[in-house]
Protein backbone atom coordinates (compact mmCIF):
# COMPACT_ATOMS: atom_id res chain seq x y z
CA MET A 1 29.41 6.80 40.18
CA ASN A 2 31.36 3.60 39.51
CA GLN A 3 33.55 2.73 36.54
CA ASN A 4 30.66 1.18 34.62
CA GLU A 5 28.69 4.45 34.66
CA ILE A 6 29.65 7.24 32.26
CA SER A 7 27.95 10.63 32.50
CA LEU A 8 26.79 12.00 29.17
CA SER A 9 25.05 15.01 30.75
CA PRO A 10 24.05 16.18 34.25
CA GLU A 11 20.96 13.94 34.02
CA ILE A 12 21.87 11.16 31.55
CA THR A 13 24.18 8.29 32.42
CA PHE A 14 25.44 5.48 30.24
CA ILE A 15 25.51 2.29 32.35
CA GLN A 16 27.78 -0.16 30.55
CA GLU A 17 27.00 -3.18 32.72
CA ARG A 18 23.27 -2.91 31.96
CA SER A 19 23.70 -1.62 28.37
CA CYS A 20 21.29 1.27 28.90
CA LEU A 21 20.90 5.05 29.09
CA SER A 22 19.51 6.06 32.47
CA SER A 23 18.03 9.30 33.78
CA PRO A 24 16.15 10.06 37.04
CA GLY A 25 12.40 9.52 36.91
CA GLN A 26 12.47 7.97 33.43
CA GLU A 27 12.54 4.43 32.12
CA ASP A 28 15.94 3.14 31.04
CA ILE A 29 16.61 3.14 27.32
CA HIS A 30 18.28 -0.14 26.47
CA LEU A 31 20.95 -0.48 23.81
CA THR A 32 21.68 -3.46 21.59
CA PRO A 33 25.14 -5.07 21.93
CA ASN A 34 26.31 -3.32 18.74
CA GLU A 35 24.91 0.05 19.88
CA ARG A 36 26.61 -0.34 23.26
CA ARG A 37 29.95 -1.23 21.65
CA LEU A 38 29.67 1.70 19.25
CA LEU A 39 29.03 4.14 22.10
CA GLU A 40 31.99 2.74 24.04
CA LEU A 41 34.28 3.17 21.02
CA ILE A 42 33.14 6.76 20.46
CA ILE A 43 33.64 7.65 24.14
CA SER A 44 37.14 6.12 24.09
CA GLY A 45 38.10 8.15 20.99
CA LYS A 46 38.08 5.20 18.56
CA GLY A 47 35.50 6.65 16.22
CA LYS A 48 37.14 5.98 12.86
CA LYS A 49 34.96 4.03 10.47
CA GLU A 50 37.55 1.34 9.85
CA THR A 51 38.09 0.83 13.58
CA ILE A 52 34.35 0.59 14.29
CA ILE A 53 33.74 -1.94 11.52
CA GLU A 54 36.72 -4.01 12.63
CA GLU A 55 35.80 -3.98 16.33
CA ILE A 56 32.06 -4.63 15.95
CA TRP A 57 31.89 -7.00 12.95
CA HIS A 58 35.18 -8.18 11.49
CA SER A 59 36.57 -9.25 14.88
CA ARG A 60 33.65 -11.70 15.10
CA GLY A 61 34.18 -13.00 11.56
CA THR A 62 31.16 -11.15 10.13
CA ILE A 63 31.23 -9.35 6.79
CA VAL A 64 29.00 -6.28 6.35
CA GLY A 65 28.73 -3.33 4.01
CA GLU A 66 28.87 0.36 4.85
CA SER A 67 25.08 0.47 4.97
CA SER A 68 25.15 -1.51 8.24
CA TYR A 69 27.71 0.91 9.66
CA HIS A 70 25.62 4.00 8.85
CA GLN A 71 22.41 2.34 10.06
CA LEU A 72 23.99 1.52 13.43
CA ILE A 73 25.09 5.14 13.91
CA LYS A 74 21.59 6.35 13.04
CA MET A 75 19.98 4.00 15.58
CA LEU A 76 22.35 5.06 18.37
CA ARG A 77 21.75 8.74 17.57
CA ARG A 78 17.98 8.17 17.81
CA LYS A 79 18.22 6.53 21.21
CA LEU A 80 20.47 9.28 22.56
CA GLN A 81 17.88 11.76 21.35
CA ILE A 82 15.11 9.90 23.15
CA ALA A 83 17.20 10.04 26.30
CA GLY A 84 17.28 13.83 25.98
CA LEU A 85 20.45 14.57 24.07
CA PRO A 86 20.31 16.58 20.83
CA TYR A 87 20.26 14.72 17.51
CA SER A 88 23.62 16.32 16.70
CA VAL A 89 25.23 14.74 19.77
CA ILE A 90 27.07 12.37 17.42
CA LYS A 91 29.22 14.47 15.14
CA THR A 92 31.30 13.37 12.15
CA ILE A 93 34.71 15.00 11.78
CA PRO A 94 36.53 14.45 8.46
CA ARG A 95 39.66 12.24 8.72
CA HIS A 96 38.98 11.75 12.41
CA GLY A 97 35.73 9.82 12.59
CA ILE A 98 32.71 10.31 14.84
CA THR A 99 32.75 11.93 18.28
CA LEU A 100 30.29 12.93 20.99
CA ASN A 101 29.38 16.61 20.92
CA LEU A 102 28.26 17.25 24.52
CA THR A 103 28.99 20.99 24.73
CA LYS A 104 25.41 22.03 23.99
CA CYS A 105 23.46 19.47 25.96
CA PRO A 106 20.06 20.79 27.03
CA GLU A 107 19.13 21.13 30.70
CA PRO A 108 16.82 18.48 32.11
CA GLU A 109 13.85 20.85 32.29
CA GLU A 110 14.13 21.45 28.55
CA ARG A 111 13.35 17.80 27.75
CA VAL A 112 9.77 16.73 27.31
CA LEU A 113 10.04 12.96 27.12
CA ASN A 114 6.32 12.32 27.06
CA SER A 115 5.62 14.67 24.17
CA PRO A 116 4.22 13.45 20.83
CA ALA A 117 7.62 14.14 19.28
CA HIS A 118 9.21 11.75 21.77
CA GLU A 119 6.71 9.03 20.90
CA GLU A 120 7.27 9.59 17.18
CA ILE A 121 11.04 9.26 17.61
CA ALA A 122 10.57 6.06 19.63
CA ALA A 123 8.45 4.61 16.82
CA GLU A 124 11.14 5.54 14.31
CA VAL A 125 13.76 3.76 16.42
CA VAL A 126 11.71 0.55 16.33
CA ALA A 127 11.29 0.88 12.56
CA ASP A 128 15.01 1.60 12.13
CA ALA A 129 15.85 -1.49 14.17
CA GLY A 130 13.78 -3.62 11.81
CA ASN A 131 15.35 -1.95 8.79
CA ALA A 132 18.80 -2.52 10.23
CA GLU A 133 18.14 -6.23 10.47
CA LEU A 134 17.00 -6.26 6.85
CA THR A 135 19.97 -4.17 5.76
CA ALA A 136 22.51 -6.29 7.58
CA LEU A 137 21.07 -9.53 6.19
CA PRO A 138 22.44 -11.62 4.77
CA GLU A 139 25.59 -11.12 6.91
CA LEU A 140 27.88 -14.04 6.21
CA THR A 141 30.62 -15.16 8.53
CA LEU A 142 33.98 -15.87 6.95
CA SER A 143 33.55 -19.61 7.46
CA GLN A 144 30.05 -19.58 5.94
CA LEU A 145 31.29 -17.58 2.98
CA GLY A 146 34.09 -20.06 2.44
CA ARG A 147 31.72 -23.02 2.59
CA GLU A 148 29.33 -21.40 0.12
CA LYS A 149 32.15 -20.70 -2.31
CA LEU A 150 33.38 -24.29 -1.95
CA ASN A 151 29.91 -25.75 -2.49
CA SER A 152 29.35 -23.47 -5.46
CA GLY A 153 32.67 -24.56 -6.97
CA ARG A 154 31.82 -28.25 -6.50
CA PHE A 155 28.39 -27.76 -8.08
CA ILE A 156 29.88 -26.05 -11.13
CA HIS A 157 32.54 -28.75 -11.42
CA GLU A 158 29.92 -31.52 -11.26
CA LYS A 159 27.82 -29.77 -13.92
CA LYS A 160 30.87 -29.59 -16.19
CA LEU A 161 31.56 -33.30 -15.71
CA VAL A 162 27.94 -34.22 -16.52
CA LEU A 163 27.97 -32.01 -19.61
CA PHE A 164 31.31 -33.46 -20.74
CA GLY A 165 29.94 -37.01 -20.29
CA LEU A 166 26.85 -36.20 -22.37
CA VAL A 167 29.01 -34.73 -25.14
CA ILE A 168 31.22 -37.85 -25.19
CA PHE A 169 28.14 -40.11 -25.22
CA MET A 170 26.41 -38.21 -28.03
CA LEU A 171 29.53 -37.50 -30.11
CA PRO A 172 29.39 -40.64 -32.32
CA THR A 173 25.73 -40.05 -33.14
CA LEU A 174 26.35 -36.37 -33.89
CA LEU A 175 29.31 -37.17 -36.14
CA THR A 176 27.26 -39.78 -38.01
CA CYS A 177 24.43 -37.32 -38.61
CA VAL A 178 26.82 -34.61 -39.76
CA TYR A 179 28.60 -37.00 -42.09
CA LYS A 180 25.34 -38.11 -43.66
CA LEU A 181 24.23 -34.51 -44.14
CA VAL A 182 27.53 -33.50 -45.73
CA ASN A 183 28.07 -36.73 -47.65
CA PRO A 184 24.68 -38.22 -48.61
CA GLU A 185 24.80 -41.84 -49.73
CA PRO A 186 24.75 -42.18 -53.53
CA GLN A 187 21.85 -44.09 -55.03
CA ALA A 188 22.78 -47.61 -56.09
CA PHE A 189 20.38 -47.51 -59.07
CA PRO A 190 20.05 -43.87 -60.18
CA PHE A 191 18.56 -44.70 -63.61
CA GLU A 192 15.09 -46.14 -64.29
CA SER A 193 13.33 -47.30 -67.40
CA ASN A 194 9.73 -48.52 -67.63
CA ILE A 195 8.89 -51.12 -70.24
CA GLY A 196 5.33 -52.32 -70.00
CA GLU A 197 4.57 -53.19 -66.38
CA VAL A 198 8.23 -53.75 -65.48
CA THR A 199 10.53 -51.10 -64.06
CA PHE A 200 14.24 -51.53 -64.78
CA HIS A 201 16.61 -50.02 -62.17
CA LEU A 202 20.09 -49.41 -63.59
CA SER A 203 23.35 -48.50 -61.89
CA SER A 204 24.74 -47.29 -65.23
CA LEU A 205 23.55 -46.85 -68.80
CA ARG A 206 26.83 -48.06 -70.23
CA GLY A 207 26.38 -51.21 -72.35
CA ILE A 208 22.59 -51.27 -71.87
CA SER A 209 20.18 -50.24 -74.60
CA SER A 210 16.42 -50.22 -74.87
CA GLU A 211 16.63 -53.26 -77.16
CA VAL A 212 18.48 -55.24 -74.51
CA LEU A 213 15.89 -54.31 -71.93
CA GLU A 214 13.03 -55.20 -74.26
CA GLN A 215 14.52 -58.64 -74.92
CA ARG A 216 14.91 -59.28 -71.17
CA ARG A 217 11.35 -58.04 -70.59
CA SER A 218 9.94 -60.56 -73.02
CA LYS A 219 11.57 -63.43 -71.09
CA LEU A 220 10.33 -62.40 -67.64
CA PRO A 221 7.52 -64.18 -65.76
CA LYS A 222 4.39 -62.09 -65.27
CA SER A 223 4.99 -61.88 -61.52
CA ILE A 224 8.21 -59.87 -61.95
CA THR A 225 7.64 -56.12 -61.62
CA ASN A 226 11.14 -54.79 -60.86
CA VAL A 227 14.50 -55.66 -62.38
CA TYR A 228 17.76 -54.37 -60.91
CA ILE A 229 20.90 -54.35 -63.05
CA ALA A 230 24.32 -53.37 -61.70
CA SER A 231 27.38 -53.36 -63.91
CA ASN A 232 31.07 -53.54 -63.09
CA GLY A 233 32.98 -53.45 -66.32
CA PRO A 234 32.01 -56.49 -68.42
CA LYS A 235 30.24 -58.17 -65.48
CA PHE A 236 26.56 -57.68 -64.76
CA TRP A 237 24.53 -58.47 -61.64
CA VAL A 238 20.79 -58.83 -62.14
CA ALA A 239 17.98 -59.19 -59.61
CA GLU A 240 14.47 -59.96 -60.85
CA CYS A 241 11.96 -59.24 -58.04
CA GLU A 242 8.26 -59.52 -57.41
CA GLY A 243 8.29 -56.04 -55.88
CA GLU A 244 11.03 -53.72 -54.60
CA LEU A 245 14.45 -55.08 -53.76
CA SER A 246 14.72 -53.11 -50.51
CA LYS A 247 11.53 -54.64 -49.11
CA GLU A 248 12.90 -58.21 -49.18
CA ASN A 249 10.40 -59.43 -51.72
CA LYS A 250 10.95 -62.67 -53.63
CA CYS A 251 13.84 -62.15 -56.04
CA ARG A 252 15.87 -64.23 -58.47
CA TYR A 253 19.54 -63.31 -58.91
CA GLU A 254 21.83 -63.72 -61.90
CA LEU A 255 25.48 -62.89 -62.57
CA TYR A 256 26.88 -62.94 -66.09
CA SER A 257 29.59 -61.45 -68.29
CA SER A 258 29.26 -59.67 -71.60
CA TYR A 259 32.29 -61.52 -72.99
């Protein structure tokens, strides 16, 4: 037996070069690279969880959770069982890690590799392999994780810049709306008086009586329907319009003083 062949029992040999478990008269049971490395670490006495995770994943820049660690142990235990070793061949010792328990290995004649139980175990190994891939995914390398964090940071920064630009662009409009809501514009002509078919719009009632309005009404052409009078002390501004002042109808303007 050369250095690449390690005997696990009188009939079962671990061949490192071929990554398989071999026994006379039976097909080789092949191990995945991670299963092979795990078995090598256990045989060499490096079965601590931290050491296994570091040697198998972290040394290659891959980040995984404990679920991947436990799944890998389960898969290796299944394949050792298919080869003819008991399920308890991998034993966990507190504060020491996992070891190979080869003291109670069954004799070759006790193994029935072609039994229904053997086929069921083989099917479970295939299912576990698929589950392990799902469990380990997504496994991100350190460089990939760094790039994703960087891209995420850039995306958030760009979103903040766009939002800030929109706020700056909309700020004048928002302030104008708020100002108008809080400080509504006062009406220029809050008082009205109807005399006949003419409506008088007054900014103030000071110095204006119904007699004054009646006199002005009697002097108006028939086409005038709205009269606007604004006062500022003794001065009066008058607009006589054929309609509303705000609709740019034909108007005649007058400015006079009460002195």
